[in-house]
Amino acid sequence: MKKRNFIIVIVLTLSLFLVSCSNKNENNEKATAENNTSSNTLVVGFDANFPPMGFKETDGSYTGFDLELAELVAEKLEMELVLQPIDWASKDAELDSGNINVIWNGFTKTGREKDYTFSESYMENRQLIVVNEDSEFNKLEDLKGKNLELQDRSTAEYALEDSEEFKESLGEVIKVPDNLTALNDLEQGSTDAVLMDEVVAKYNINKGRKFRVLEESLKDEEYAIAFKLGNEELRDKVNKAVKELASEGVLKELSIKWIGEDKTLIK
């Protein structure tokens, strides 16, 4: 009996300890979310493998068109900027939980207008096919029976779904974690083509990588900054700051710096 009572005491103690830890974790997560969504903090969720919009440099720092723009906006708004790299497939969960309060990373507004509160569109983009420079492919129909790679849960995937006839003409469609993986596979001959954002493709081509794009677009898009549905207060503040920067010529300068041409929509 004594041994049995001792075991019961241990079980109860462990149960209370686990409940206590769980409560502490929940409180910590709640505190983090509240801190991240405070009025003085701009927590930018971004894909760290999405140059030129947002990515990690060799020295470990984060940079890119959107991240530079976010820094300038935070300065104008006198807000603390937190750059938070995220798993792109989990972006909605990150936003809903409060771990971030904005998705800002070449985020396509087109077709998502009902899912988020969006800023004004600030950049145009297209979903294009990228092939090796010496490839024999020149038109979409040339890819019949060929393999195509794209980033998982990206607008490239949605654009392909909307292009049913083209999709059915392909061989295998391979989903990878990010665009850089797809481009590396293309370079190494592991796939025949990649479907991706025009701005990302042209950035890599301007950096000297031996690719070219097919001019037939699967989808024309616009980039915007996404906030949790209903967060109009933060949206309006950011919109105002972006427009001021555009009027100062900063958006155009950043676009030419990162993409090689002015693709911005706010002048």
Protein backbone atom coordinates (compact mmCIF):
# COMPACT_ATOMS: atom_id res chain seq x y z
CA MET A 1 0.00 0.00 0.00
CA LYS A 2 2.78 2.41 0.84
CA LYS A 3 4.48 1.73 -2.48
CA ARG A 4 1.23 2.28 -4.34
CA ASN A 5 0.55 5.57 -2.53
CA PHE A 6 4.09 6.71 -3.34
CA ILE A 7 3.52 6.03 -7.05
CA ILE A 8 0.24 7.97 -6.99
CA VAL A 9 1.99 10.95 -5.38
CA ILE A 10 4.68 10.90 -8.08
CA VAL A 11 2.07 10.76 -10.87
CA LEU A 12 0.12 13.67 -9.39
CA THR A 13 3.29 15.71 -8.96
CA LEU A 14 4.32 15.12 -12.55
CA SER A 15 0.85 16.04 -13.76
CA LEU A 16 0.91 19.33 -11.87
CA PHE A 17 4.41 20.06 -13.22
CA LEU A 18 3.33 19.46 -16.83
CA VAL A 19 0.24 21.65 -16.42
CA SER A 20 2.41 24.39 -14.92
CA CYS A 21 4.88 24.19 -17.83
CA SER A 22 2.04 24.24 -20.33
CA ASN A 23 0.56 27.36 -18.75
CA LYS A 24 3.95 29.05 -18.75
CA ASN A 25 4.46 28.24 -22.43
CA GLU A 26 1.02 29.55 -23.32
CA ASN A 27 1.66 32.74 -21.35
CA ASN A 28 5.06 33.19 -23.00
CA GLU A 29 3.55 32.68 -26.47
CA LYS A 30 0.78 35.14 -25.64
CA ALA A 31 3.27 37.71 -24.36
CA THR A 32 5.40 37.29 -27.50
CA ALA A 33 2.39 37.72 -29.75
CA GLU A 34 1.24 40.81 -27.83
CA ASN A 35 4.73 42.29 -28.01
CA ASN A 36 5.02 41.56 -31.74
CA THR A 37 1.67 43.13 -32.54
CA SER A 38 2.16 46.20 -30.35
CA SER A 39 1.60 49.58 -31.97
CA ASN A 40 5.31 50.37 -31.79
CA THR A 41 6.66 47.23 -33.45
CA LEU A 42 6.58 46.27 -37.12
CA VAL A 43 7.26 42.53 -37.34
CA VAL A 44 7.88 41.61 -40.97
CA GLY A 45 7.38 37.97 -41.93
CA PHE A 46 9.38 37.01 -45.02
CA ASP A 47 10.89 34.11 -46.95
CA ALA A 48 14.67 34.30 -46.46
CA ASN A 49 15.19 32.58 -49.84
CA PHE A 50 13.37 35.04 -52.07
CA PRO A 51 15.88 37.42 -53.66
CA PRO A 52 15.64 40.23 -54.59
CA MET A 53 12.68 40.93 -52.28
CA GLY A 54 14.07 39.41 -49.07
CA PHE A 55 16.96 37.03 -48.42
CA LYS A 56 19.99 36.24 -46.27
CA GLU A 57 23.41 37.60 -47.21
CA THR A 58 26.60 35.54 -46.86
CA ASP A 59 27.38 37.47 -43.66
CA GLY A 60 24.10 36.33 -42.12
CA SER A 61 22.27 39.66 -42.43
CA TYR A 62 18.93 40.05 -44.19
CA THR A 63 18.45 42.36 -47.16
CA GLY A 64 16.42 42.91 -50.33
CA PHE A 65 13.98 45.36 -51.90
CA ASP A 66 11.13 44.74 -49.47
CA LEU A 67 13.31 44.64 -46.38
CA GLU A 68 15.03 47.91 -47.28
CA LEU A 69 11.63 49.46 -47.92
CA ALA A 70 10.28 48.10 -44.61
CA GLU A 71 13.23 49.65 -42.78
CA LEU A 72 12.54 53.07 -44.34
CA VAL A 73 8.82 52.78 -43.53
CA ALA A 74 9.57 51.87 -39.90
CA GLU A 75 11.85 54.92 -39.64
CA LYS A 76 9.11 57.20 -40.96
CA LEU A 77 6.59 55.72 -38.54
CA GLU A 78 9.10 55.74 -35.65
CA MET A 79 8.44 52.05 -35.10
CA GLU A 80 10.82 49.29 -34.08
CA LEU A 81 11.48 46.95 -37.03
CA VAL A 82 11.76 43.19 -36.47
CA LEU A 83 12.69 41.06 -39.48
CA GLN A 84 11.24 37.59 -38.92
CA PRO A 85 12.16 34.87 -41.45
CA ILE A 86 9.37 32.29 -41.67
CA ASP A 87 8.49 29.03 -43.35
CA TRP A 88 6.52 30.43 -46.28
CA ALA A 89 4.02 27.57 -46.16
CA SER A 90 3.19 28.62 -42.57
CA LYS A 91 2.77 32.35 -43.24
CA ASP A 92 -0.96 32.40 -42.42
CA ALA A 93 -0.44 30.65 -39.08
CA GLU A 94 2.36 33.09 -38.23
CA LEU A 95 0.10 36.05 -38.98
CA ASP A 96 -2.93 34.62 -37.18
CA SER A 97 -0.92 33.77 -34.06
CA GLY A 98 0.55 37.28 -33.82
CA ASN A 99 4.14 36.13 -34.28
CA ILE A 100 4.24 38.63 -37.17
CA ASN A 101 1.94 41.52 -37.98
CA VAL A 102 2.76 41.90 -41.66
CA ILE A 103 3.70 39.67 -44.61
CA TRP A 104 6.08 41.70 -46.74
CA ASN A 105 8.08 39.72 -49.27
CA GLY A 106 6.99 39.97 -52.89
CA PHE A 107 3.53 38.92 -51.73
CA THR A 108 0.97 38.65 -54.50
CA LYS A 109 -2.27 40.52 -53.89
CA THR A 110 -4.03 39.21 -57.02
CA GLY A 111 -6.59 36.56 -56.07
CA ARG A 112 -6.07 36.96 -52.30
CA GLU A 113 -7.97 40.20 -51.74
CA LYS A 114 -10.56 38.54 -49.45
CA ASP A 115 -8.01 36.72 -47.29
CA TYR A 116 -5.99 39.66 -45.96
CA THR A 117 -6.14 43.40 -45.45
CA PHE A 118 -3.80 44.66 -48.17
CA SER A 119 -1.85 47.82 -48.73
CA GLU A 120 -2.02 49.60 -52.05
CA SER A 121 -0.27 47.56 -54.76
CA TYR A 122 3.30 48.83 -55.13
CA MET A 123 4.88 46.58 -57.80
CA GLU A 124 3.86 44.66 -60.91
CA ASN A 125 4.93 41.08 -61.52
CA ARG A 126 4.30 38.14 -63.87
CA GLN A 127 4.54 34.38 -63.49
CA LEU A 128 7.02 33.33 -66.20
CA ILE A 129 8.82 30.19 -67.32
CA VAL A 130 12.60 30.24 -66.78
CA VAL A 131 14.88 27.99 -68.86
CA ASN A 132 18.62 27.65 -69.32
CA GLU A 133 20.15 30.19 -71.67
CA ASP A 134 21.14 27.53 -74.23
CA SER A 135 17.81 25.72 -74.00
CA GLU A 136 15.85 24.79 -77.13
CA PHE A 137 12.59 25.95 -75.51
CA ASN A 138 11.10 29.21 -76.79
CA LYS A 139 7.35 28.85 -76.25
CA LEU A 140 5.08 27.19 -73.69
CA GLU A 141 4.12 24.51 -76.20
CA ASP A 142 7.80 23.51 -76.47
CA LEU A 143 7.59 22.17 -72.90
CA LYS A 144 5.11 19.43 -73.76
CA GLY A 145 6.09 16.30 -71.82
CA LYS A 146 8.89 18.16 -69.99
CA ASN A 147 9.43 18.50 -66.24
CA LEU A 148 8.68 21.73 -64.41
CA GLU A 149 9.68 22.88 -60.92
CA LEU A 150 8.08 25.57 -58.77
CA GLN A 151 7.97 26.72 -55.16
CA ASP A 152 5.46 24.89 -52.98
CA ARG A 153 2.37 26.93 -52.04
CA SER A 154 3.50 29.90 -54.08
CA THR A 155 1.53 31.97 -56.58
CA ALA A 156 3.43 30.07 -59.26
CA GLU A 157 1.61 26.94 -58.13
CA TYR A 158 -1.75 28.74 -58.22
CA ALA A 159 -0.98 30.18 -61.66
CA LEU A 160 -0.24 26.69 -62.96
CA GLU A 161 -3.49 25.37 -61.51
CA ASP A 162 -5.33 28.09 -63.44
CA SER A 163 -3.51 27.12 -66.66
CA GLU A 164 -5.07 23.66 -66.85
CA GLU A 165 -4.26 22.93 -70.49
CA PHE A 166 -0.59 23.85 -70.08
CA LYS A 167 -0.33 21.87 -66.84
CA GLU A 168 -1.78 18.75 -68.46
CA SER A 169 0.74 19.03 -71.30
CA LEU A 170 3.69 18.80 -68.93
CA GLY A 171 5.54 15.73 -67.75
CA GLU A 172 6.18 15.88 -64.00
CA VAL A 173 5.48 18.96 -61.86
CA ILE A 174 7.90 19.08 -58.94
CA LYS A 175 7.33 21.25 -55.86
CA VAL A 176 10.40 22.46 -53.95
CA PRO A 177 10.79 24.61 -50.80
CA ASP A 178 11.99 27.78 -52.54
CA ASN A 179 12.85 29.38 -55.88
CA LEU A 180 16.61 29.16 -55.37
CA THR A 181 16.39 25.38 -55.06
CA ALA A 182 14.41 25.27 -58.32
CA LEU A 183 16.94 27.47 -60.15
CA ASN A 184 19.84 25.36 -58.88
CA ASP A 185 18.08 22.23 -60.14
CA LEU A 186 17.54 23.90 -63.51
CA GLU A 187 21.21 24.89 -63.71
CA GLN A 188 22.27 21.32 -62.91
CA GLY A 189 19.88 19.79 -65.45
CA SER A 190 17.61 18.15 -62.88
CA THR A 191 14.56 19.83 -64.40
CA ASP A 192 13.68 21.34 -67.77
CA ALA A 193 12.09 24.59 -66.63
CA VAL A 194 11.00 26.62 -63.61
CA LEU A 195 7.82 28.63 -63.11
CA MET A 196 8.46 31.67 -60.92
CA ASP A 197 8.11 35.41 -60.35
CA GLU A 198 9.51 37.62 -63.10
CA VAL A 199 11.29 39.89 -60.62
CA VAL A 200 13.14 36.95 -59.07
CA ALA A 201 14.08 35.53 -62.47
CA LYS A 202 15.39 38.85 -63.78
CA TYR A 203 17.34 39.50 -60.59
CA ASN A 204 19.18 36.20 -61.01
CA ILE A 205 19.78 36.85 -64.71
CA ASN A 206 21.12 40.34 -63.92
CA LYS A 207 23.48 38.71 -61.41
CA GLY A 208 25.03 36.74 -64.27
CA ARG A 209 23.25 33.39 -64.05
CA LYS A 210 22.78 31.78 -67.48
CA PHE A 211 19.00 31.74 -67.68
CA ARG A 212 16.37 33.36 -69.87
CA VAL A 213 12.60 33.77 -69.60
CA LEU A 214 9.85 32.84 -72.02
CA GLU A 215 7.78 35.95 -72.64
CA GLU A 216 4.39 34.17 -72.44
CA SER A 217 2.98 34.98 -69.01
CA LEU A 218 0.90 32.45 -67.11
CA LYS A 219 -0.45 35.19 -64.86
CA ASP A 220 -0.07 38.95 -64.38
CA GLU A 221 0.09 39.99 -60.73
CA GLU A 222 0.62 42.86 -58.32
CA TYR A 223 2.66 42.86 -55.12
CA ALA A 224 1.26 44.38 -51.94
CA ILE A 225 1.86 44.29 -48.18
CA ALA A 226 -0.48 41.94 -46.31
CA PHE A 227 -1.91 42.48 -42.84
CA LYS A 228 -4.26 40.34 -40.78
CA LEU A 229 -7.81 40.75 -42.06
CA GLY A 230 -9.28 43.81 -40.36
CA ASN A 231 -6.00 45.45 -39.32
CA GLU A 232 -6.75 48.66 -41.20
CA GLU A 233 -5.02 50.91 -38.67
CA LEU A 234 -1.55 49.51 -39.36
CA ARG A 235 -2.35 49.21 -43.08
CA ASP A 236 -3.21 52.92 -43.30
CA LYS A 237 -0.01 53.96 -41.50
CA VAL A 238 2.18 51.84 -43.76
CA ASN A 239 0.33 52.98 -46.89
CA LYS A 240 0.94 56.62 -46.01
CA ALA A 241 4.66 56.04 -45.43
CA VAL A 242 5.10 54.07 -48.68
CA LYS A 243 3.37 56.81 -50.68
CA GLU A 244 5.65 59.43 -49.15
CA LEU A 245 8.71 57.36 -50.09
CA ALA A 246 7.35 56.93 -53.62
CA SER A 247 6.89 60.69 -54.01
CA GLU A 248 10.50 61.11 -52.88
CA GLY A 249 11.65 58.76 -55.65
CA VAL A 250 12.83 56.07 -53.22
CA LEU A 251 10.66 53.24 -54.62
CA LYS A 252 11.95 53.80 -58.13
CA GLU A 253 15.56 53.88 -56.89
CA LEU A 254 15.12 50.62 -54.98
CA SER A 255 13.49 48.90 -57.96
CA ILE A 256 16.33 49.88 -60.30
CA LYS A 257 18.89 48.84 -57.68
CA TRP A 258 17.43 45.36 -57.11
CA ILE A 259 15.68 44.49 -60.38
CA GLY A 260 17.41 46.63 -62.98
CA GLU A 261 14.25 48.50 -64.01
CA ASP A 262 11.40 50.45 -62.47
CA LYS A 263 8.48 48.06 -61.92
CA THR A 264 6.81 50.06 -59.15
CA LEU A 265 3.17 51.14 -59.38
CA ILE A 266 3.12 54.03 -56.88
CA LYS A 267 4.72 57.20 -58.27
